[in-house]
């Protein structure tokens, strides 16, 4: 049996929230303080590392993009906190 890679604490839902929040102008600091509700509490450093991985690490980026697309397809018909318009606690 092959060895499994490390399990990421980032879910596809978390990645969608991160991407949408950053694209909407949220700061990494505000995200760490709870501007959006991730599956767990992330530090500013964890959020920064994940964002840079999504942007610049081709392996992480490809895998995350695949899982985010699958997640978004599965939620197309449901109103969701993951949509671009409704991703923030702050209005």
C-alpha atoms as a PDB file:
ATOM      1  CA  UNK A   1       0.000   0.000   0.000  1.00  0.00           C
ATOM      2  CA  UNK A   2       1.338   3.465  -0.898  1.00  0.00           C
ATOM      3  CA  UNK A   3       1.978   6.143   1.660  1.00  0.00           C
ATOM      4  CA  UNK A   4      -0.536   8.931   1.890  1.00  0.00           C
ATOM      5  CA  UNK A   5       0.579  12.550   1.800  1.00  0.00           C
ATOM      6  CA  UNK A   6       0.011  14.885   4.714  1.00  0.00           C
ATOM      7  CA  UNK A   7      -3.604  15.756   5.376  1.00  0.00           C
ATOM      8  CA  UNK A   8      -4.314  19.449   4.944  1.00  0.00           C
ATOM      9  CA  UNK A   9      -6.409  21.220   7.565  1.00  0.00           C
ATOM     10  CA  UNK A  10      -7.885  23.220   4.667  1.00  0.00           C
ATOM     11  CA  UNK A  11     -11.157  21.914   3.263  1.00  0.00           C
ATOM     12  CA  UNK A  12     -12.446  22.828  -0.203  1.00  0.00           C
ATOM     13  CA  UNK A  13     -15.056  24.962   1.572  1.00  0.00           C
ATOM     14  CA  UNK A  14     -12.284  26.809   3.418  1.00  0.00           C
ATOM     15  CA  UNK A  15     -10.415  27.388   0.161  1.00  0.00           C
ATOM     16  CA  UNK A  16     -13.550  28.790  -1.503  1.00  0.00           C
ATOM     17  CA  UNK A  17     -14.158  31.090   1.458  1.00  0.00           C
ATOM     18  CA  UNK A  18     -10.529  32.219   1.400  1.00  0.00           C
ATOM     19  CA  UNK A  19     -10.489  32.865  -2.344  1.00  0.00           C
ATOM     20  CA  UNK A  20     -13.821  34.697  -2.385  1.00  0.00           C
ATOM     21  CA  UNK A  21     -12.944  36.781   0.667  1.00  0.00           C
ATOM     22  CA  UNK A  22      -9.572  37.849  -0.715  1.00  0.00           C
ATOM     23  CA  UNK A  23     -11.115  38.647  -4.096  1.00  0.00           C
ATOM     24  CA  UNK A  24     -13.722  40.772  -2.289  1.00  0.00           C
ATOM     25  CA  UNK A  25     -10.958  42.743  -0.571  1.00  0.00           C
ATOM     26  CA  UNK A  26     -10.731  41.171   2.877  1.00  0.00           C
ATOM     27  CA  UNK A  27      -7.400  41.332   4.649  1.00  0.00           C
ATOM     28  CA  UNK A  28      -5.651  38.247   5.955  1.00  0.00           C
ATOM     29  CA  UNK A  29      -5.814  39.758   9.436  1.00  0.00           C
ATOM     30  CA  UNK A  30      -9.584  40.220   9.278  1.00  0.00           C
ATOM     31  CA  UNK A  31     -10.002  36.630   8.140  1.00  0.00           C
ATOM     32  CA  UNK A  32      -7.928  35.390  11.073  1.00  0.00           C
ATOM     33  CA  UNK A  33     -10.066  37.491  13.409  1.00  0.00           C
ATOM     34  CA  UNK A  34     -13.229  35.796  12.176  1.00  0.00           C
ATOM     35  CA  UNK A  35     -14.560  37.916   9.292  1.00  0.00           C
ATOM     36  CA  UNK A  36     -15.602  34.607   7.753  1.00  0.00           C
ATOM     37  CA  UNK A  37     -16.244  31.333   9.499  1.00  0.00           C
ATOM     38  CA  UNK A  38     -13.789  28.675   8.347  1.00  0.00           C
ATOM     39  CA  UNK A  39     -14.098  25.052   9.445  1.00  0.00           C
ATOM     40  CA  UNK A  40     -11.614  25.842  12.188  1.00  0.00           C
ATOM     41  CA  UNK A  41      -9.643  28.801  13.538  1.00  0.00           C
ATOM     42  CA  UNK A  42      -6.610  29.663  11.411  1.00  0.00           C
ATOM     43  CA  UNK A  43      -3.808  32.027  12.352  1.00  0.00           C
ATOM     44  CA  UNK A  44      -2.778  34.889  10.075  1.00  0.00           C
ATOM     45  CA  UNK A  45       0.334  32.881   9.202  1.00  0.00           C
ATOM     46  CA  UNK A  46      -1.701  29.784   8.266  1.00  0.00           C
ATOM     47  CA  UNK A  47      -4.008  31.885   6.095  1.00  0.00           C
ATOM     48  CA  UNK A  48      -1.052  33.638   4.459  1.00  0.00           C
ATOM     49  CA  UNK A  49       0.728  30.339   3.802  1.00  0.00           C
ATOM     50  CA  UNK A  50      -2.399  28.805   2.285  1.00  0.00           C
ATOM     51  CA  UNK A  51      -3.066  31.822   0.061  1.00  0.00           C
ATOM     52  CA  UNK A  52       0.501  31.818  -1.247  1.00  0.00           C
ATOM     53  CA  UNK A  53       0.303  28.049  -1.817  1.00  0.00           C
ATOM     54  CA  UNK A  54      -2.901  28.487  -3.798  1.00  0.00           C
ATOM     55  CA  UNK A  55      -1.241  31.151  -5.904  1.00  0.00           C
ATOM     56  CA  UNK A  56       2.278  29.826  -6.398  1.00  0.00           C
ATOM     57  CA  UNK A  57       2.532  26.098  -5.615  1.00  0.00           C
ATOM     58  CA  UNK A  58       1.492  24.248  -8.783  1.00  0.00           C
ATOM     59  CA  UNK A  59       0.713  20.982  -6.977  1.00  0.00           C
ATOM     60  CA  UNK A  60      -1.325  22.549  -4.174  1.00  0.00           C
ATOM     61  CA  UNK A  61      -3.015  24.924  -6.600  1.00  0.00           C
ATOM     62  CA  UNK A  62      -4.078  22.183  -9.024  1.00  0.00           C
ATOM     63  CA  UNK A  63      -5.375  19.914  -6.295  1.00  0.00           C
ATOM     64  CA  UNK A  64      -7.235  22.721  -4.526  1.00  0.00           C
ATOM     65  CA  UNK A  65      -8.726  23.986  -7.801  1.00  0.00           C
ATOM     66  CA  UNK A  66     -10.066  20.517  -8.573  1.00  0.00           C
ATOM     67  CA  UNK A  67     -11.634  20.129  -5.126  1.00  0.00           C
ATOM     68  CA  UNK A  68     -13.041  23.676  -5.108  1.00  0.00           C
ATOM     69  CA  UNK A  69     -14.653  23.079  -8.497  1.00  0.00           C
ATOM     70  CA  UNK A  70     -16.186  19.826  -7.276  1.00  0.00           C
ATOM     71  CA  UNK A  71     -17.443  21.554  -4.137  1.00  0.00           C
ATOM     72  CA  UNK A  72     -18.925  24.460  -6.087  1.00  0.00           C
ATOM     73  CA  UNK A  73     -20.657  22.082  -8.507  1.00  0.00           C
ATOM     74  CA  UNK A  74     -22.197  20.214  -5.584  1.00  0.00           C
ATOM     75  CA  UNK A  75     -23.589  23.441  -4.086  1.00  0.00           C
ATOM     76  CA  UNK A  76     -24.850  25.173  -7.249  1.00  0.00           C
ATOM     77  CA  UNK A  77     -28.511  24.664  -6.412  1.00  0.00           C
ATOM     78  CA  UNK A  78     -28.253  25.465  -2.704  1.00  0.00           C
ATOM     79  CA  UNK A  79     -28.171  28.970  -1.230  1.00  0.00           C
ATOM     80  CA  UNK A  80     -24.876  29.085   0.548  1.00  0.00           C
ATOM     81  CA  UNK A  81     -22.508  31.049   2.734  1.00  0.00           C
ATOM     82  CA  UNK A  82     -19.876  30.243   0.101  1.00  0.00           C
ATOM     83  CA  UNK A  83     -21.269  32.493  -2.597  1.00  0.00           C
ATOM     84  CA  UNK A  84     -19.340  35.634  -3.453  1.00  0.00           C
ATOM     85  CA  UNK A  85     -22.106  37.920  -2.232  1.00  0.00           C
ATOM     86  CA  UNK A  86     -22.632  36.187   1.098  1.00  0.00           C
ATOM     87  CA  UNK A  87     -19.185  35.220   2.302  1.00  0.00           C
ATOM     88  CA  UNK A  88     -18.665  37.812   4.992  1.00  0.00           C
ATOM     89  CA  UNK A  89     -20.073  38.388   8.452  1.00  0.00           C
ATOM     90  CA  UNK A  90     -19.438  42.105   7.921  1.00  0.00           C
ATOM     91  CA  UNK A  91     -21.774  44.031   5.635  1.00  0.00           C
END
